[in-house]
Amino acid sequence: MQTVEKKIREYIAENLLFSRKGYPYADATSFLEEGIVDSMGIMDLVTFVEENFNLEVEDQDLTPDNFDSVMQLAGYIRKKTA
């Protein structure tokens, strides 16, 4: 079974970085500070999270605390699916 972090890294590498070499950053690296994800990329991540983890992302949940790194996003997903 894939970990939440692995699914997120694979999705970002393939769909936002367009990389076949994988996700080259640490899980704590800020998406915004490193330019990994822009505002459109955040919306792509929301769709990915909703479709792959069967949850609804509320507007108030769209914060850097939840969506600014692999580690933060995985924590958000675990909290919402617990």
N, C-alpha and C. Protein backbone atom coordinates (compact mmCIF):
# COMPACT_ATOMS: atom_id res chain seq x y z
N MET A 1 0.83 -1.19 0.00
CA MET A 1 0.00 0.00 0.00
C MET A 1 0.88 1.25 0.00
N GLN A 2 0.54 2.19 -0.85
CA GLN A 2 1.31 3.43 -0.92
C GLN A 2 0.99 4.33 0.27
N THR A 3 2.00 5.02 0.74
CA THR A 3 1.75 5.99 1.79
C THR A 3 1.11 7.23 1.20
N VAL A 4 0.48 8.01 2.05
CA VAL A 4 -0.12 9.27 1.61
C VAL A 4 0.95 10.16 0.99
N GLU A 5 2.11 10.25 1.66
CA GLU A 5 3.20 11.09 1.15
C GLU A 5 3.64 10.63 -0.24
N LYS A 6 3.76 9.33 -0.43
CA LYS A 6 4.21 8.82 -1.73
C LYS A 6 3.21 9.18 -2.82
N LYS A 7 1.93 9.05 -2.56
CA LYS A 7 0.91 9.42 -3.54
C LYS A 7 1.00 10.90 -3.90
N ILE A 8 1.21 11.74 -2.88
CA ILE A 8 1.31 13.18 -3.12
C ILE A 8 2.56 13.48 -3.95
N ARG A 9 3.70 12.92 -3.56
CA ARG A 9 4.95 13.16 -4.31
C ARG A 9 4.80 12.72 -5.77
N GLU A 10 4.23 11.55 -5.99
CA GLU A 10 4.07 11.05 -7.36
C GLU A 10 3.14 11.96 -8.17
N TYR A 11 2.05 12.39 -7.56
CA TYR A 11 1.11 13.27 -8.26
C TYR A 11 1.79 14.58 -8.65
N ILE A 12 2.48 15.20 -7.72
CA ILE A 12 3.13 16.48 -8.01
C ILE A 12 4.21 16.31 -9.07
N ALA A 13 5.03 15.29 -8.94
CA ALA A 13 6.10 15.05 -9.92
C ALA A 13 5.53 14.89 -11.33
N GLU A 14 4.51 14.07 -11.47
CA GLU A 14 3.96 13.76 -12.78
C GLU A 14 3.08 14.87 -13.35
N ASN A 15 2.27 15.51 -12.52
CA ASN A 15 1.24 16.42 -13.02
C ASN A 15 1.55 17.90 -12.87
N LEU A 16 2.44 18.25 -11.97
CA LEU A 16 2.76 19.67 -11.77
C LEU A 16 4.20 20.00 -12.15
N LEU A 17 5.11 19.08 -11.90
CA LEU A 17 6.51 19.29 -12.28
C LEU A 17 6.84 18.65 -13.63
N PHE A 18 5.95 17.79 -14.11
CA PHE A 18 6.12 17.06 -15.37
C PHE A 18 7.47 16.35 -15.41
N SER A 19 7.77 15.67 -14.32
CA SER A 19 9.05 14.99 -14.15
C SER A 19 8.84 13.48 -14.08
N ARG A 20 9.65 12.77 -14.81
CA ARG A 20 9.64 11.31 -14.72
C ARG A 20 10.68 10.82 -13.72
N LYS A 21 11.45 11.75 -13.17
CA LYS A 21 12.51 11.40 -12.23
C LYS A 21 12.04 11.41 -10.79
N GLY A 22 10.79 11.74 -10.56
CA GLY A 22 10.27 11.75 -9.21
C GLY A 22 10.27 13.13 -8.61
N TYR A 23 9.90 13.19 -7.37
CA TYR A 23 9.79 14.44 -6.62
C TYR A 23 11.15 14.72 -5.97
N PRO A 24 11.85 15.78 -6.38
CA PRO A 24 13.23 15.99 -5.93
C PRO A 24 13.40 16.78 -4.63
N TYR A 25 12.34 17.02 -3.90
CA TYR A 25 12.41 17.87 -2.71
C TYR A 25 12.13 17.05 -1.45
N ALA A 26 12.53 17.61 -0.32
CA ALA A 26 12.19 17.01 0.98
C ALA A 26 10.70 17.20 1.24
N ASP A 27 10.11 16.35 2.04
CA ASP A 27 8.67 16.43 2.31
C ASP A 27 8.27 17.72 3.03
N ALA A 28 9.20 18.38 3.70
CA ALA A 28 8.89 19.62 4.43
C ALA A 28 9.12 20.87 3.57
N THR A 29 9.59 20.71 2.34
CA THR A 29 9.86 21.86 1.47
C THR A 29 8.57 22.57 1.10
N SER A 30 8.58 23.90 1.25
CA SER A 30 7.41 24.72 0.94
C SER A 30 7.14 24.74 -0.56
N PHE A 31 5.91 24.38 -0.94
CA PHE A 31 5.52 24.44 -2.35
C PHE A 31 5.61 25.86 -2.88
N LEU A 32 5.14 26.81 -2.10
CA LEU A 32 5.07 28.20 -2.55
C LEU A 32 6.44 28.86 -2.58
N GLU A 33 7.23 28.69 -1.53
CA GLU A 33 8.56 29.31 -1.48
C GLU A 33 9.48 28.79 -2.57
N GLU A 34 9.37 27.53 -2.91
CA GLU A 34 10.23 26.93 -3.93
C GLU A 34 9.63 27.02 -5.34
N GLY A 35 8.42 27.54 -5.44
CA GLY A 35 7.79 27.65 -6.76
C GLY A 35 7.36 26.30 -7.32
N ILE A 36 7.15 25.34 -6.45
CA ILE A 36 6.75 24.00 -6.88
C ILE A 36 5.30 24.02 -7.36
N VAL A 37 4.46 24.77 -6.65
CA VAL A 37 3.04 24.84 -6.94
C VAL A 37 2.62 26.32 -6.94
N ASP A 38 1.87 26.71 -7.96
CA ASP A 38 1.31 28.07 -8.00
C ASP A 38 -0.18 27.99 -7.65
N SER A 39 -0.90 29.08 -7.82
CA SER A 39 -2.32 29.10 -7.43
C SER A 39 -3.14 28.08 -8.23
N MET A 40 -2.84 27.91 -9.49
CA MET A 40 -3.54 26.89 -10.28
C MET A 40 -3.16 25.49 -9.81
N GLY A 41 -1.92 25.32 -9.43
CA GLY A 41 -1.46 24.04 -8.92
C GLY A 41 -2.16 23.66 -7.63
N ILE A 42 -2.45 24.66 -6.79
CA ILE A 42 -3.18 24.40 -5.55
C ILE A 42 -4.56 23.83 -5.88
N MET A 43 -5.21 24.41 -6.89
CA MET A 43 -6.53 23.90 -7.28
C MET A 43 -6.42 22.47 -7.82
N ASP A 44 -5.35 22.18 -8.54
CA ASP A 44 -5.12 20.80 -8.99
C ASP A 44 -4.94 19.87 -7.80
N LEU A 45 -4.20 20.34 -6.78
CA LEU A 45 -4.00 19.53 -5.58
C LEU A 45 -5.32 19.28 -4.85
N VAL A 46 -6.17 20.29 -4.81
CA VAL A 46 -7.48 20.13 -4.16
C VAL A 46 -8.27 19.03 -4.86
N THR A 47 -8.30 19.08 -6.18
CA THR A 47 -9.01 18.06 -6.95
C THR A 47 -8.41 16.68 -6.71
N PHE A 48 -7.09 16.61 -6.73
CA PHE A 48 -6.39 15.34 -6.46
C PHE A 48 -6.78 14.79 -5.09
N VAL A 49 -6.75 15.64 -4.06
CA VAL A 49 -7.07 15.20 -2.70
C VAL A 49 -8.52 14.72 -2.63
N GLU A 50 -9.43 15.47 -3.20
CA GLU A 50 -10.84 15.10 -3.13
C GLU A 50 -11.11 13.78 -3.84
N GLU A 51 -10.50 13.59 -5.00
CA GLU A 51 -10.75 12.38 -5.79
C GLU A 51 -10.03 11.15 -5.25
N ASN A 52 -8.84 11.33 -4.73
CA ASN A 52 -8.03 10.18 -4.32
C ASN A 52 -8.19 9.79 -2.86
N PHE A 53 -8.69 10.69 -2.05
CA PHE A 53 -8.82 10.40 -0.63
C PHE A 53 -10.27 10.52 -0.17
N ASN A 54 -11.17 10.68 -1.12
CA ASN A 54 -12.61 10.68 -0.86
C ASN A 54 -13.00 11.64 0.26
N LEU A 55 -12.57 12.89 0.12
CA LEU A 55 -12.97 13.90 1.09
C LEU A 55 -13.23 15.22 0.37
N GLU A 56 -13.94 16.09 1.04
CA GLU A 56 -14.25 17.40 0.48
C GLU A 56 -13.39 18.45 1.18
N VAL A 57 -12.64 19.21 0.38
CA VAL A 57 -11.80 20.27 0.93
C VAL A 57 -12.65 21.53 1.04
N GLU A 58 -12.80 22.01 2.26
CA GLU A 58 -13.58 23.22 2.52
C GLU A 58 -12.72 24.44 2.22
N ASP A 59 -13.36 25.55 1.84
CA ASP A 59 -12.63 26.78 1.53
C ASP A 59 -11.73 27.20 2.68
N GLN A 60 -12.21 27.09 3.90
CA GLN A 60 -11.42 27.52 5.05
C GLN A 60 -10.20 26.63 5.29
N ASP A 61 -10.16 25.47 4.64
CA ASP A 61 -9.01 24.57 4.77
C ASP A 61 -7.88 24.90 3.80
N LEU A 62 -8.13 25.79 2.84
CA LEU A 62 -7.12 26.15 1.85
C LEU A 62 -6.14 27.17 2.43
N THR A 63 -5.27 26.67 3.30
CA THR A 63 -4.29 27.51 3.96
C THR A 63 -2.91 26.90 3.78
N PRO A 64 -1.85 27.71 3.92
CA PRO A 64 -0.50 27.15 3.87
C PRO A 64 -0.26 26.07 4.93
N ASP A 65 -0.95 26.17 6.07
CA ASP A 65 -0.79 25.14 7.09
C ASP A 65 -1.21 23.76 6.60
N ASN A 66 -2.09 23.71 5.61
CA ASN A 66 -2.59 22.44 5.09
C ASN A 66 -2.02 22.08 3.71
N PHE A 67 -1.68 23.08 2.90
CA PHE A 67 -1.37 22.82 1.49
C PHE A 67 -0.01 23.36 1.03
N ASP A 68 0.98 23.50 1.93
CA ASP A 68 2.23 24.10 1.50
C ASP A 68 3.43 23.16 1.49
N SER A 69 3.22 21.89 1.74
CA SER A 69 4.31 20.91 1.62
C SER A 69 3.68 19.51 1.59
N VAL A 70 4.47 18.56 1.19
CA VAL A 70 4.00 17.17 1.21
C VAL A 70 3.63 16.79 2.64
N MET A 71 4.47 17.15 3.58
CA MET A 71 4.25 16.80 4.99
C MET A 71 2.95 17.42 5.51
N GLN A 72 2.73 18.70 5.23
CA GLN A 72 1.52 19.37 5.71
C GLN A 72 0.27 18.82 5.05
N LEU A 73 0.35 18.56 3.75
CA LEU A 73 -0.81 18.04 3.04
C LEU A 73 -1.15 16.63 3.52
N ALA A 74 -0.14 15.82 3.74
CA ALA A 74 -0.38 14.46 4.25
C ALA A 74 -1.02 14.52 5.64
N GLY A 75 -0.56 15.43 6.48
CA GLY A 75 -1.15 15.59 7.81
C GLY A 75 -2.60 16.02 7.73
N TYR A 76 -2.89 16.94 6.81
CA TYR A 76 -4.26 17.40 6.60
C TYR A 76 -5.15 16.24 6.16
N ILE A 77 -4.68 15.45 5.21
CA ILE A 77 -5.44 14.32 4.70
C ILE A 77 -5.72 13.31 5.83
N ARG A 78 -4.70 13.02 6.61
CA ARG A 78 -4.88 12.06 7.72
C ARG A 78 -5.89 12.59 8.74
N LYS A 79 -5.81 13.87 9.04
CA LYS A 79 -6.73 14.47 10.01
C LYS A 79 -8.16 14.41 9.48
N LYS A 80 -8.36 14.69 8.20
CA LYS A 80 -9.71 14.71 7.63
C LYS A 80 -10.29 13.32 7.42
N THR A 81 -9.45 12.32 7.27
CA THR A 81 -9.95 10.96 7.01
C THR A 81 -9.96 10.10 8.28
N ALA A 82 -9.52 10.66 9.39
CA ALA A 82 -9.48 9.90 10.65
C ALA A 82 -10.88 9.66 11.20
